Amino acid sequence: MKSFFDEFKKFILRGNVMDMAVGVIIGAAFQAIVTSLVNDIISPIIGLIANTDMSYLVWTVGDVEIRYGAFITAIINFIIMAFVIFTIVRTINKVADSHKKPEAPAAPTTKVCPYCKSEIAIDATKCPHCTSELEK
């Protein structure tokens, strides 16, 4: 049983798991900010234009309320979150690409036979196509 807990502890303390946990916590906090932005700023502005508060738009069918205004608000939340995440990832990728050193071109592995112009191995001493002796 002790080895099980030791293995679990090793798993939890691995970098990827901790990074993911921090990401989830920050994501949840950021979601609260985006929800507030949509509910407290964007929805009232749209409400001024449309003369209504979107979060309270409902369609009543019998005894059932279909809250399509809340659904529209959720869609706006999603679009804002997707845009912000896209912007963050794009910025991170640009920063990472700017710090990369350009890769040196790979050393050639072939050369051209000066007699028959066939492509041959770079360390060949005799052309396999025309059987000419090659200089090193």
C-alpha atoms as a PDB file:
ATOM      1  CA  MET A   1       0.000   0.000   0.000  1.00  0.00           C
ATOM      2  CA  LYS A   2       2.895   2.334   0.782  1.00  0.00           C
ATOM      3  CA  SER A   3       4.328   1.864  -2.721  1.00  0.00           C
ATOM      4  CA  PHE A   4       0.952   2.801  -4.183  1.00  0.00           C
ATOM      5  CA  PHE A   5       0.951   6.116  -2.292  1.00  0.00           C
ATOM      6  CA  ASP A   6       4.597   6.736  -3.194  1.00  0.00           C
ATOM      7  CA  GLU A   7       3.757   6.163  -6.852  1.00  0.00           C
ATOM      8  CA  PHE A   8       0.707   8.436  -6.577  1.00  0.00           C
ATOM      9  CA  LYS A   9       2.808  11.139  -4.912  1.00  0.00           C
ATOM     10  CA  LYS A  10       5.396  10.864  -7.706  1.00  0.00           C
ATOM     11  CA  PHE A  11       2.597  11.190 -10.291  1.00  0.00           C
ATOM     12  CA  ILE A  12       1.032  14.238  -8.619  1.00  0.00           C
ATOM     13  CA  LEU A  13       4.321  16.050  -8.185  1.00  0.00           C
ATOM     14  CA  ARG A  14       5.310  15.586 -11.803  1.00  0.00           C
ATOM     15  CA  GLY A  15       5.630  18.894 -13.665  1.00  0.00           C
ATOM     16  CA  ASN A  16       2.843  18.308 -16.192  1.00  0.00           C
ATOM     17  CA  VAL A  17       0.215  17.536 -13.555  1.00  0.00           C
ATOM     18  CA  MET A  18       1.099  20.605 -11.490  1.00  0.00           C
ATOM     19  CA  ASP A  19       1.128  22.811 -14.603  1.00  0.00           C
ATOM     20  CA  MET A  20      -2.289  21.499 -15.580  1.00  0.00           C
ATOM     21  CA  ALA A  21      -3.676  22.135 -12.077  1.00  0.00           C
ATOM     22  CA  VAL A  22      -2.397  25.718 -12.112  1.00  0.00           C
ATOM     23  CA  GLY A  23      -3.874  26.180 -15.602  1.00  0.00           C
ATOM     24  CA  VAL A  24      -7.286  24.920 -14.501  1.00  0.00           C
ATOM     25  CA  ILE A  25      -7.327  27.210 -11.458  1.00  0.00           C
ATOM     26  CA  ILE A  26      -6.273  30.270 -13.472  1.00  0.00           C
ATOM     27  CA  GLY A  27      -8.758  29.314 -16.206  1.00  0.00           C
ATOM     28  CA  ALA A  28     -11.604  29.170 -13.697  1.00  0.00           C
ATOM     29  CA  ALA A  29     -10.666  32.581 -12.307  1.00  0.00           C
ATOM     30  CA  PHE A  30     -10.395  33.983 -15.832  1.00  0.00           C
ATOM     31  CA  GLN A  31     -13.799  32.509 -16.709  1.00  0.00           C
ATOM     32  CA  ALA A  32     -15.304  34.546 -13.860  1.00  0.00           C
ATOM     33  CA  ILE A  33     -13.787  37.704 -15.358  1.00  0.00           C
ATOM     34  CA  VAL A  34     -15.143  36.904 -18.835  1.00  0.00           C
ATOM     35  CA  THR A  35     -18.587  36.062 -17.423  1.00  0.00           C
ATOM     36  CA  SER A  36     -18.641  39.386 -15.601  1.00  0.00           C
ATOM     37  CA  LEU A  37     -17.552  41.193 -18.775  1.00  0.00           C
ATOM     38  CA  VAL A  38     -20.379  39.615 -20.756  1.00  0.00           C
ATOM     39  CA  ASN A  39     -23.095  39.876 -18.083  1.00  0.00           C
ATOM     40  CA  ASP A  40     -22.194  43.303 -16.695  1.00  0.00           C
ATOM     41  CA  ILE A  41     -20.894  45.165 -19.757  1.00  0.00           C
ATOM     42  CA  ILE A  42     -21.631  43.515 -23.114  1.00  0.00           C
ATOM     43  CA  SER A  43     -25.182  42.292 -22.398  1.00  0.00           C
ATOM     44  CA  PRO A  44     -26.367  45.690 -21.094  1.00  0.00           C
ATOM     45  CA  ILE A  45     -24.849  47.435 -24.146  1.00  0.00           C
ATOM     46  CA  ILE A  46     -26.633  44.982 -26.445  1.00  0.00           C
ATOM     47  CA  GLY A  47     -29.718  45.543 -24.287  1.00  0.00           C
ATOM     48  CA  LEU A  48     -29.523  49.280 -25.017  1.00  0.00           C
ATOM     49  CA  ILE A  49     -29.513  48.587 -28.734  1.00  0.00           C
ATOM     50  CA  ALA A  50     -32.147  45.845 -28.642  1.00  0.00           C
ATOM     51  CA  ASN A  51     -34.118  47.433 -25.767  1.00  0.00           C
ATOM     52  CA  THR A  52     -33.858  44.270 -23.689  1.00  0.00           C
ATOM     53  CA  ASP A  53     -31.592  42.455 -21.252  1.00  0.00           C
ATOM     54  CA  MET A  54     -30.388  39.345 -23.053  1.00  0.00           C
ATOM     55  CA  SER A  55     -29.913  37.170 -19.985  1.00  0.00           C
ATOM     56  CA  TYR A  56     -33.639  37.353 -19.180  1.00  0.00           C
ATOM     57  CA  LEU A  57     -34.932  36.545 -22.667  1.00  0.00           C
ATOM     58  CA  VAL A  58     -37.182  33.521 -22.312  1.00  0.00           C
ATOM     59  CA  TRP A  59     -39.611  31.656 -24.450  1.00  0.00           C
ATOM     60  CA  THR A  60     -42.420  30.027 -22.503  1.00  0.00           C
ATOM     61  CA  VAL A  61     -43.971  26.874 -23.893  1.00  0.00           C
ATOM     62  CA  GLY A  62     -46.683  25.676 -21.540  1.00  0.00           C
ATOM     63  CA  ASP A  63     -45.063  25.416 -18.112  1.00  0.00           C
ATOM     64  CA  VAL A  64     -41.525  25.239 -19.530  1.00  0.00           C
ATOM     65  CA  GLU A  65     -39.203  28.241 -19.851  1.00  0.00           C
ATOM     66  CA  ILE A  66     -36.605  28.153 -22.590  1.00  0.00           C
ATOM     67  CA  ARG A  67     -33.954  30.688 -21.578  1.00  0.00           C
ATOM     68  CA  TYR A  68     -32.440  31.475 -24.969  1.00  0.00           C
ATOM     69  CA  GLY A  69     -31.037  34.764 -23.674  1.00  0.00           C
ATOM     70  CA  ALA A  70     -28.838  32.890 -21.215  1.00  0.00           C
ATOM     71  CA  PHE A  71     -27.784  30.631 -24.085  1.00  0.00           C
ATOM     72  CA  ILE A  72     -26.808  33.627 -26.225  1.00  0.00           C
ATOM     73  CA  THR A  73     -24.834  34.979 -23.257  1.00  0.00           C
ATOM     74  CA  ALA A  74     -23.024  31.622 -22.962  1.00  0.00           C
ATOM     75  CA  ILE A  75     -22.172  31.743 -26.671  1.00  0.00           C
ATOM     76  CA  ILE A  76     -20.710  35.236 -26.250  1.00  0.00           C
ATOM     77  CA  ASN A  77     -18.691  33.963 -23.246  1.00  0.00           C
ATOM     78  CA  PHE A  78     -17.344  31.112 -25.357  1.00  0.00           C
ATOM     79  CA  ILE A  79     -16.377  33.360 -28.268  1.00  0.00           C
ATOM     80  CA  ILE A  80     -14.549  35.769 -25.963  1.00  0.00           C
ATOM     81  CA  MET A  81     -12.730  32.903 -24.196  1.00  0.00           C
ATOM     82  CA  ALA A  82     -11.755  31.306 -27.511  1.00  0.00           C
ATOM     83  CA  PHE A  83     -10.461  34.640 -28.831  1.00  0.00           C
ATOM     84  CA  VAL A  84      -8.442  35.341 -25.685  1.00  0.00           C
ATOM     85  CA  ILE A  85      -6.957  31.831 -25.610  1.00  0.00           C
ATOM     86  CA  PHE A  86      -6.119  32.088 -29.323  1.00  0.00           C
ATOM     87  CA  THR A  87      -4.396  35.429 -28.706  1.00  0.00           C
ATOM     88  CA  ILE A  88      -2.413  34.076 -25.746  1.00  0.00           C
ATOM     89  CA  VAL A  89      -1.285  30.942 -27.604  1.00  0.00           C
ATOM     90  CA  ARG A  90      -0.400  32.983 -30.694  1.00  0.00           C
ATOM     91  CA  THR A  91       1.694  35.370 -28.586  1.00  0.00           C
ATOM     92  CA  ILE A  92       3.436  32.503 -26.780  1.00  0.00           C
ATOM     93  CA  ASN A  93       4.233  30.842 -30.113  1.00  0.00           C
ATOM     94  CA  LYS A  94       5.668  34.080 -31.528  1.00  0.00           C
ATOM     95  CA  VAL A  95       7.851  34.598 -28.449  1.00  0.00           C
ATOM     96  CA  ALA A  96       9.027  30.974 -28.564  1.00  0.00           C
ATOM     97  CA  ASP A  97       9.808  31.223 -32.298  1.00  0.00           C
ATOM     98  CA  SER A  98      11.765  34.443 -31.833  1.00  0.00           C
ATOM     99  CA  HIS A  99      14.038  32.767 -29.262  1.00  0.00           C
ATOM    100  CA  LYS A 100      14.771  29.723 -31.404  1.00  0.00           C
ATOM    101  CA  LYS A 101      18.172  29.533 -33.003  1.00  0.00           C
ATOM    102  CA  PRO A 102      18.014  28.818 -36.692  1.00  0.00           C
ATOM    103  CA  GLU A 103      18.979  25.235 -37.394  1.00  0.00           C
ATOM    104  CA  ALA A 104      22.201  24.707 -39.277  1.00  0.00           C
ATOM    105  CA  PRO A 105      21.655  23.119 -42.651  1.00  0.00           C
ATOM    106  CA  ALA A 106      22.300  19.405 -42.641  1.00  0.00           C
ATOM    107  CA  ALA A 107      25.577  18.223 -44.071  1.00  0.00           C
ATOM    108  CA  PRO A 108      25.175  16.886 -47.601  1.00  0.00           C
ATOM    109  CA  THR A 109      25.022  13.113 -47.909  1.00  0.00           C
ATOM    110  CA  THR A 110      25.397  12.931 -51.691  1.00  0.00           C
ATOM    111  CA  LYS A 111      27.517  14.460 -54.421  1.00  0.00           C
ATOM    112  CA  VAL A 112      27.423  14.499 -58.204  1.00  0.00           C
ATOM    113  CA  CYS A 113      29.807  12.367 -60.221  1.00  0.00           C
ATOM    114  CA  PRO A 114      31.921  14.767 -62.328  1.00  0.00           C
ATOM    115  CA  TYR A 115      31.904  12.314 -65.249  1.00  0.00           C
ATOM    116  CA  CYS A 116      28.342  11.000 -65.629  1.00  0.00           C
ATOM    117  CA  LYS A 117      26.572  13.609 -63.451  1.00  0.00           C
ATOM    118  CA  SER A 118      24.768  10.905 -61.442  1.00  0.00           C
ATOM    119  CA  GLU A 119      24.057  11.454 -57.775  1.00  0.00           C
ATOM    120  CA  ILE A 120      26.236   9.243 -55.587  1.00  0.00           C
ATOM    121  CA  ALA A 121      27.129   8.835 -51.914  1.00  0.00           C
ATOM    122  CA  ILE A 122      29.403  11.566 -50.620  1.00  0.00           C
ATOM    123  CA  ASP A 123      32.069   9.126 -49.430  1.00  0.00           C
ATOM    124  CA  ALA A 124      32.139   7.098 -52.665  1.00  0.00           C
ATOM    125  CA  THR A 125      35.560   6.579 -54.265  1.00  0.00           C
ATOM    126  CA  LYS A 126      34.189   4.983 -57.430  1.00  0.00           C
ATOM    127  CA  CYS A 127      30.996   5.924 -59.289  1.00  0.00           C
ATOM    128  CA  PRO A 128      28.553   2.978 -59.288  1.00  0.00           C
ATOM    129  CA  HIS A 129      27.026   4.201 -62.558  1.00  0.00           C
ATOM    130  CA  CYS A 130      30.043   4.882 -64.789  1.00  0.00           C
ATOM    131  CA  THR A 131      32.720   3.135 -62.686  1.00  0.00           C
ATOM    132  CA  SER A 132      35.002   6.174 -62.823  1.00  0.00           C
ATOM    133  CA  GLU A 133      37.593   6.641 -60.094  1.00  0.00           C
ATOM    134  CA  LEU A 134      36.702   9.720 -58.000  1.00  0.00           C
ATOM    135  CA  GLU A 135      38.942  12.148 -56.188  1.00  0.00           C
ATOM    136  CA  LYS A 136      38.348  12.650 -52.492  1.00  0.00           C
END
